[in-house]
Amino acid sequence: MRTAVLKSKSTVNHKSGADIDRQIHRGKTVLRELKAALEDLEDRRELAAAKRRNAGKPGTPLRQAAKELRF
């Protein structure tokens, strides 16, 4: 009986190469999505810090900024 149990477990836990490839692809996709989300959060943190640093300071008028950037 012990051998039968071992054989059934090995067949249940055995995955085909295609299954593993799909899992790897999905894992890489999830990691890319997490990286993008973290980068967005870092950008938001930097923007919030810049807003705090510049609170109360006069801004640059749009026309002046466009002229300086040559738009």
PDB file of N, CA and C in Angstrom:
ATOM      1  N   MET A   1       0.825  -1.193   0.000  1.00  0.00           N
ATOM      2  CA  MET A   1       0.000   0.000   0.000  1.00  0.00           C
ATOM      3  C   MET A   1       0.867   1.253   0.000  1.00  0.00           C
ATOM      4  N   ARG A   2       1.922   1.235   0.710  1.00  0.00           N
ATOM      5  CA  ARG A   2       2.790   2.391   0.778  1.00  0.00           C
ATOM      6  C   ARG A   2       3.330   2.752  -0.602  1.00  0.00           C
ATOM      7  N   THR A   3       3.683   1.790  -1.406  1.00  0.00           N
ATOM      8  CA  THR A   3       4.182   2.036  -2.753  1.00  0.00           C
ATOM      9  C   THR A   3       3.089   2.660  -3.611  1.00  0.00           C
ATOM     10  N   ALA A   4       1.881   2.198  -3.473  1.00  0.00           N
ATOM     11  CA  ALA A   4       0.770   2.745  -4.252  1.00  0.00           C
ATOM     12  C   ALA A   4       0.542   4.203  -3.909  1.00  0.00           C
ATOM     13  N   VAL A   5       0.656   4.544  -2.631  1.00  0.00           N
ATOM     14  CA  VAL A   5       0.470   5.922  -2.207  1.00  0.00           C
ATOM     15  C   VAL A   5       1.575   6.788  -2.795  1.00  0.00           C
ATOM     16  N   LEU A   6       2.802   6.337  -2.760  1.00  0.00           N
ATOM     17  CA  LEU A   6       3.923   7.093  -3.315  1.00  0.00           C
ATOM     18  C   LEU A   6       3.752   7.294  -4.816  1.00  0.00           C
ATOM     19  N   LYS A   7       3.319   6.272  -5.510  1.00  0.00           N
ATOM     20  CA  LYS A   7       3.131   6.393  -6.953  1.00  0.00           C
ATOM     21  C   LYS A   7       2.039   7.404  -7.268  1.00  0.00           C
ATOM     22  N   SER A   8       0.941   7.379  -6.521  1.00  0.00           N
ATOM     23  CA  SER A   8      -0.149   8.308  -6.819  1.00  0.00           C
ATOM     24  C   SER A   8       0.263   9.739  -6.508  1.00  0.00           C
ATOM     25  N   LYS A   9       1.035   9.930  -5.446  1.00  0.00           N
ATOM     26  CA  LYS A   9       1.494  11.277  -5.136  1.00  0.00           C
ATOM     27  C   LYS A   9       2.418  11.807  -6.217  1.00  0.00           C
ATOM     28  N   SER A  10       3.299  10.961  -6.717  1.00  0.00           N
ATOM     29  CA  SER A  10       4.240  11.425  -7.730  1.00  0.00           C
ATOM     30  C   SER A  10       3.525  11.790  -9.023  1.00  0.00           C
ATOM     31  N   THR A  11       2.466  11.098  -9.367  1.00  0.00           N
ATOM     32  CA  THR A  11       1.753  11.445 -10.589  1.00  0.00           C
ATOM     33  C   THR A  11       0.916  12.701 -10.402  1.00  0.00           C
ATOM     34  N   VAL A  12       0.395  12.923  -9.201  1.00  0.00           N
ATOM     35  CA  VAL A  12      -0.405  14.114  -8.936  1.00  0.00           C
ATOM     36  C   VAL A  12       0.487  15.350  -8.940  1.00  0.00           C
ATOM     37  N   ASN A  13       1.667  15.260  -8.349  1.00  0.00           N
ATOM     38  CA  ASN A  13       2.572  16.405  -8.241  1.00  0.00           C
ATOM     39  C   ASN A  13       3.365  16.658  -9.516  1.00  0.00           C
ATOM     40  N   HIS A  14       3.311  15.757 -10.450  1.00  0.00           N
ATOM     41  CA  HIS A  14       4.073  15.899 -11.685  1.00  0.00           C
ATOM     42  C   HIS A  14       3.331  16.837 -12.642  1.00  0.00           C
ATOM     43  N   LYS A  15       4.017  17.862 -13.090  1.00  0.00           N
ATOM     44  CA  LYS A  15       3.406  18.807 -14.027  1.00  0.00           C
ATOM     45  C   LYS A  15       4.134  18.708 -15.350  1.00  0.00           C
ATOM     46  N   SER A  16       3.416  18.960 -16.413  1.00  0.00           N
ATOM     47  CA  SER A  16       4.048  18.912 -17.726  1.00  0.00           C
ATOM     48  C   SER A  16       4.894  20.161 -17.931  1.00  0.00           C
ATOM     49  N   GLY A  17       5.793  20.097 -18.883  1.00  0.00           N
ATOM     50  CA  GLY A  17       6.639  21.240 -19.202  1.00  0.00           C
ATOM     51  C   GLY A  17       5.820  22.441 -19.611  1.00  0.00           C
ATOM     52  N   ALA A  18       4.708  22.222 -20.316  1.00  0.00           N
ATOM     53  CA  ALA A  18       3.849  23.329 -20.746  1.00  0.00           C
ATOM     54  C   ALA A  18       3.210  24.021 -19.547  1.00  0.00           C
ATOM     55  N   ASP A  19       2.810  23.235 -18.544  1.00  0.00           N
ATOM     56  CA  ASP A  19       2.232  23.819 -17.330  1.00  0.00           C
ATOM     57  C   ASP A  19       3.252  24.689 -16.615  1.00  0.00           C
ATOM     58  N   ILE A  20       4.466  24.179 -16.503  1.00  0.00           N
ATOM     59  CA  ILE A  20       5.527  24.933 -15.837  1.00  0.00           C
ATOM     60  C   ILE A  20       5.850  26.198 -16.621  1.00  0.00           C
ATOM     61  N   ASP A  21       5.908  26.090 -17.937  1.00  0.00           N
ATOM     62  CA  ASP A  21       6.168  27.269 -18.774  1.00  0.00           C
ATOM     63  C   ASP A  21       5.095  28.331 -18.582  1.00  0.00           C
ATOM     64  N   ARG A  22       3.841  27.907 -18.496  1.00  0.00           N
ATOM     65  CA  ARG A  22       2.734  28.854 -18.262  1.00  0.00           C
ATOM     66  C   ARG A  22       2.865  29.517 -16.900  1.00  0.00           C
ATOM     67  N   GLN A  23       3.234  28.744 -15.895  1.00  0.00           N
ATOM     68  CA  GLN A  23       3.405  29.307 -14.553  1.00  0.00           C
ATOM     69  C   GLN A  23       4.552  30.313 -14.532  1.00  0.00           C
ATOM     70  N   ILE A  24       5.634  29.985 -15.207  1.00  0.00           N
ATOM     71  CA  ILE A  24       6.772  30.907 -15.270  1.00  0.00           C
ATOM     72  C   ILE A  24       6.365  32.182 -15.990  1.00  0.00           C
ATOM     73  N   HIS A  25       5.663  32.043 -17.100  1.00  0.00           N
ATOM     74  CA  HIS A  25       5.207  33.224 -17.857  1.00  0.00           C
ATOM     75  C   HIS A  25       4.299  34.092 -16.991  1.00  0.00           C
ATOM     76  N   ARG A  26       3.361  33.460 -16.287  1.00  0.00           N
ATOM     77  CA  ARG A  26       2.442  34.204 -15.420  1.00  0.00           C
ATOM     78  C   ARG A  26       3.207  34.881 -14.279  1.00  0.00           C
ATOM     79  N   GLY A  27       4.180  34.181 -13.712  1.00  0.00           N
ATOM     80  CA  GLY A  27       4.979  34.757 -12.646  1.00  0.00           C
ATOM     81  C   GLY A  27       5.741  35.981 -13.116  1.00  0.00           C
ATOM     82  N   LYS A  28       6.318  35.904 -14.313  1.00  0.00           N
ATOM     83  CA  LYS A  28       7.047  37.047 -14.866  1.00  0.00           C
ATOM     84  C   LYS A  28       6.104  38.215 -15.129  1.00  0.00           C
ATOM     85  N   THR A  29       4.898  37.914 -15.597  1.00  0.00           N
ATOM     86  CA  THR A  29       3.903  38.957 -15.843  1.00  0.00           C
ATOM     87  C   THR A  29       3.536  39.653 -14.532  1.00  0.00           C
ATOM     88  N   VAL A  30       3.313  38.870 -13.494  1.00  0.00           N
ATOM     89  CA  VAL A  30       2.972  39.435 -12.187  1.00  0.00           C
ATOM     90  C   VAL A  30       4.115  40.310 -11.678  1.00  0.00           C
ATOM     91  N   LEU A  31       5.350  39.853 -11.827  1.00  0.00           N
ATOM     92  CA  LEU A  31       6.501  40.639 -11.378  1.00  0.00           C
ATOM     93  C   LEU A  31       6.598  41.962 -12.132  1.00  0.00           C
ATOM     94  N   ARG A  32       6.351  41.939 -13.459  1.00  0.00           N
ATOM     95  CA  ARG A  32       6.372  43.191 -14.234  1.00  0.00           C
ATOM     96  C   ARG A  32       5.289  44.147 -13.743  1.00  0.00           C
ATOM     97  N   GLU A  33       4.102  43.613 -13.456  1.00  0.00           N
ATOM     98  CA  GLU A  33       3.010  44.451 -12.964  1.00  0.00           C
ATOM     99  C   GLU A  33       3.354  45.043 -11.598  1.00  0.00           C
ATOM    100  N   LEU A  34       3.956  44.247 -10.732  1.00  0.00           N
ATOM    101  CA  LEU A  34       4.353  44.738  -9.411  1.00  0.00           C
ATOM    102  C   LEU A  34       5.431  45.812  -9.530  1.00  0.00           C
ATOM    103  N   LYS A  35       6.378  45.608 -10.433  1.00  0.00           N
ATOM    104  CA  LYS A  35       7.443  46.594 -10.631  1.00  0.00           C
ATOM    105  C   LYS A  35       6.848  47.915 -11.103  1.00  0.00           C
ATOM    106  N   ALA A  36       5.922  47.853 -12.051  1.00  0.00           N
ATOM    107  CA  ALA A  36       5.281  49.073 -12.548  1.00  0.00           C
ATOM    108  C   ALA A  36       4.499  49.767 -11.435  1.00  0.00           C
ATOM    109  N   ALA A  37       3.798  48.994 -10.617  1.00  0.00           N
ATOM    110  CA  ALA A  37       3.028  49.577  -9.513  1.00  0.00           C
ATOM    111  C   ALA A  37       3.958  50.249  -8.502  1.00  0.00           C
ATOM    112  N   LEU A  38       5.084  49.612  -8.198  1.00  0.00           N
ATOM    113  CA  LEU A  38       6.040  50.206  -7.264  1.00  0.00           C
ATOM    114  C   LEU A  38       6.643  51.489  -7.824  1.00  0.00           C
ATOM    115  N   GLU A  39       6.954  51.490  -9.116  1.00  0.00           N
ATOM    116  CA  GLU A  39       7.496  52.700  -9.735  1.00  0.00           C
ATOM    117  C   GLU A  39       6.478  53.837  -9.684  1.00  0.00           C
ATOM    118  N   ASP A  40       5.204  53.511  -9.921  1.00  0.00           N
ATOM    119  CA  ASP A  40       4.148  54.527  -9.823  1.00  0.00           C
ATOM    120  C   ASP A  40       4.056  55.087  -8.404  1.00  0.00           C
ATOM    121  N   LEU A  41       4.138  54.207  -7.417  1.00  0.00           N
ATOM    122  CA  LEU A  41       4.076  54.658  -6.022  1.00  0.00           C
ATOM    123  C   LEU A  41       5.277  55.541  -5.671  1.00  0.00           C
ATOM    124  N   GLU A  42       6.453  55.183  -6.171  1.00  0.00           N
ATOM    125  CA  GLU A  42       7.636  56.020  -5.929  1.00  0.00           C
ATOM    126  C   GLU A  42       7.463  57.392  -6.563  1.00  0.00           C
ATOM    127  N   ASP A  43       6.899  57.426  -7.779  1.00  0.00           N
ATOM    128  CA  ASP A  43       6.642  58.708  -8.445  1.00  0.00           C
ATOM    129  C   ASP A  43       5.678  59.550  -7.631  1.00  0.00           C
ATOM    130  N   ARG A  44       4.628  58.906  -7.098  1.00  0.00           N
ATOM    131  CA  ARG A  44       3.647  59.648  -6.289  1.00  0.00           C
ATOM    132  C   ARG A  44       4.284  60.195  -5.024  1.00  0.00           C
ATOM    133  N   ARG A  45       5.189  59.412  -4.415  1.00  0.00           N
ATOM    134  CA  ARG A  45       5.879  59.868  -3.209  1.00  0.00           C
ATOM    135  C   ARG A  45       6.757  61.067  -3.533  1.00  0.00           C
ATOM    136  N   GLU A  46       7.487  61.014  -4.654  1.00  0.00           N
ATOM    137  CA  GLU A  46       8.346  62.133  -5.059  1.00  0.00           C
ATOM    138  C   GLU A  46       7.520  63.381  -5.363  1.00  0.00           C
ATOM    139  N   LEU A  47       6.373  63.205  -6.016  1.00  0.00           N
ATOM    140  CA  LEU A  47       5.500  64.334  -6.319  1.00  0.00           C
ATOM    141  C   LEU A  47       4.966  64.971  -5.035  1.00  0.00           C
ATOM    142  N   ALA A  48       4.546  64.139  -4.095  1.00  0.00           N
ATOM    143  CA  ALA A  48       4.039  64.661  -2.822  1.00  0.00           C
ATOM    144  C   ALA A  48       5.132  65.433  -2.084  1.00  0.00           C
ATOM    145  N   ALA A  49       6.365  64.921  -2.107  1.00  0.00           N
ATOM    146  CA  ALA A  49       7.470  65.616  -1.446  1.00  0.00           C
ATOM    147  C   ALA A  49       7.757  66.951  -2.125  1.00  0.00           C
ATOM    148  N   ALA A  50       7.707  66.981  -3.451  1.00  0.00           N
ATOM    149  CA  ALA A  50       7.938  68.225  -4.191  1.00  0.00           C
ATOM    150  C   ALA A  50       6.849  69.246  -3.881  1.00  0.00           C
ATOM    151  N   LYS A  51       5.604  68.785  -3.770  1.00  0.00           N
ATOM    152  CA  LYS A  51       4.511  69.696  -3.431  1.00  0.00           C
ATOM    153  C   LYS A  51       4.706  70.288  -2.039  1.00  0.00           C
ATOM    154  N   ARG A  52       5.182  69.459  -1.096  1.00  0.00           N
ATOM    155  CA  ARG A  52       5.434  69.977   0.260  1.00  0.00           C
ATOM    156  C   ARG A  52       6.575  70.996   0.234  1.00  0.00           C
ATOM    157  N   ARG A  53       7.646  70.691  -0.506  1.00  0.00           N
ATOM    158  CA  ARG A  53       8.783  71.620  -0.588  1.00  0.00           C
ATOM    159  C   ARG A  53       8.392  72.951  -1.207  1.00  0.00           C
ATOM    160  N   ASN A  54       7.491  72.911  -2.179  1.00  0.00           N
ATOM    161  CA  ASN A  54       7.136  74.112  -2.928  1.00  0.00           C
ATOM    162  C   ASN A  54       5.857  74.782  -2.433  1.00  0.00           C
ATOM    163  N   ALA A  55       5.303  74.301  -1.349  1.00  0.00           N
ATOM    164  CA  ALA A  55       4.067  74.881  -0.813  1.00  0.00           C
ATOM    165  C   ALA A  55       4.289  76.360  -0.491  1.00  0.00           C
ATOM    166  N   GLY A  56       3.400  77.201  -0.984  1.00  0.00           N
ATOM    167  CA  GLY A  56       3.466  78.632  -0.707  1.00  0.00           C
ATOM    168  C   GLY A  56       4.382  79.412  -1.643  1.00  0.00           C
ATOM    169  N   LYS A  57       5.152  78.722  -2.460  1.00  0.00           N
ATOM    170  CA  LYS A  57       6.028  79.414  -3.409  1.00  0.00           C
ATOM    171  C   LYS A  57       5.227  79.746  -4.659  1.00  0.00           C
ATOM    172  N   PRO A  58       5.556  80.865  -5.302  1.00  0.00           N
ATOM    173  CA  PRO A  58       4.831  81.194  -6.535  1.00  0.00           C
ATOM    174  C   PRO A  58       5.175  80.202  -7.642  1.00  0.00           C
ATOM    175  N   GLY A  59       4.194  79.917  -8.465  1.00  0.00           N
ATOM    176  CA  GLY A  59       4.401  79.012  -9.596  1.00  0.00           C
ATOM    177  C   GLY A  59       4.871  79.766 -10.826  1.00  0.00           C
ATOM    178  N   THR A  60       5.102  79.041 -11.913  1.00  0.00           N
ATOM    179  CA  THR A  60       5.497  79.630 -13.179  1.00  0.00           C
ATOM    180  C   THR A  60       4.283  79.651 -14.091  1.00  0.00           C
ATOM    181  N   PRO A  61       3.959  80.802 -14.664  1.00  0.00           N
ATOM    182  CA  PRO A  61       2.823  80.856 -15.591  1.00  0.00           C
ATOM    183  C   PRO A  61       3.047  79.916 -16.787  1.00  0.00           C
ATOM    184  N   LEU A  62       1.966  79.364 -17.292  1.00  0.00           N
ATOM    185  CA  LEU A  62       2.046  78.395 -18.378  1.00  0.00           C
ATOM    186  C   LEU A  62       2.763  78.965 -19.603  1.00  0.00           C
ATOM    187  N   ARG A  63       2.443  80.173 -19.975  1.00  0.00           N
ATOM    188  CA  ARG A  63       3.077  80.774 -21.165  1.00  0.00           C
ATOM    189  C   ARG A  63       4.589  80.900 -20.981  1.00  0.00           C
ATOM    190  N   GLN A  64       4.999  81.292 -19.785  1.00  0.00           N
ATOM    191  CA  GLN A  64       6.429  81.413 -19.511  1.00  0.00           C
ATOM    192  C   GLN A  64       7.112  80.041 -19.555  1.00  0.00           C
ATOM    193  N   ALA A  65       6.485  79.054 -18.970  1.00  0.00           N
ATOM    194  CA  ALA A  65       7.061  77.706 -18.967  1.00  0.00           C
ATOM    195  C   ALA A  65       7.171  77.174 -20.400  1.00  0.00           C
ATOM    196  N   ALA A  66       6.109  77.391 -21.209  1.00  0.00           N
ATOM    197  CA  ALA A  66       6.129  76.957 -22.595  1.00  0.00           C
ATOM    198  C   ALA A  66       7.242  77.650 -23.378  1.00  0.00           C
ATOM    199  N   LYS A  67       7.427  78.936 -23.119  1.00  0.00           N
ATOM    200  CA  LYS A  67       8.464  79.703 -23.806  1.00  0.00           C
ATOM    201  C   LYS A  67       9.842  79.164 -23.419  1.00  0.00           C
ATOM    202  N   GLU A  68      10.038  78.920 -22.122  1.00  0.00           N
ATOM    203  CA  GLU A  68      11.334  78.407 -21.656  1.00  0.00           C
ATOM    204  C   GLU A  68      11.612  76.996 -22.203  1.00  0.00           C
ATOM    205  N   LEU A  69      10.566  76.224 -22.384  1.00  0.00           N
ATOM    206  CA  LEU A  69      10.716  74.879 -22.932  1.00  0.00           C
ATOM    207  C   LEU A  69      10.639  74.857 -24.455  1.00  0.00           C
ATOM    208  N   ARG A  70      10.439  76.048 -25.029  1.00  0.00           N
ATOM    209  CA  ARG A  70      10.359  76.228 -26.497  1.00  0.00           C
ATOM    210  C   ARG A  70       9.215  75.453 -27.132  1.00  0.00           C
ATOM    211  N   PHE A  71       8.038  75.592 -26.564  1.00  0.00           N
ATOM    212  CA  PHE A  71       6.826  74.990 -27.139  1.00  0.00           C
ATOM    213  C   PHE A  71       6.087  76.029 -27.930  1.00  0.00           C
TER     214      PHE A  71
END
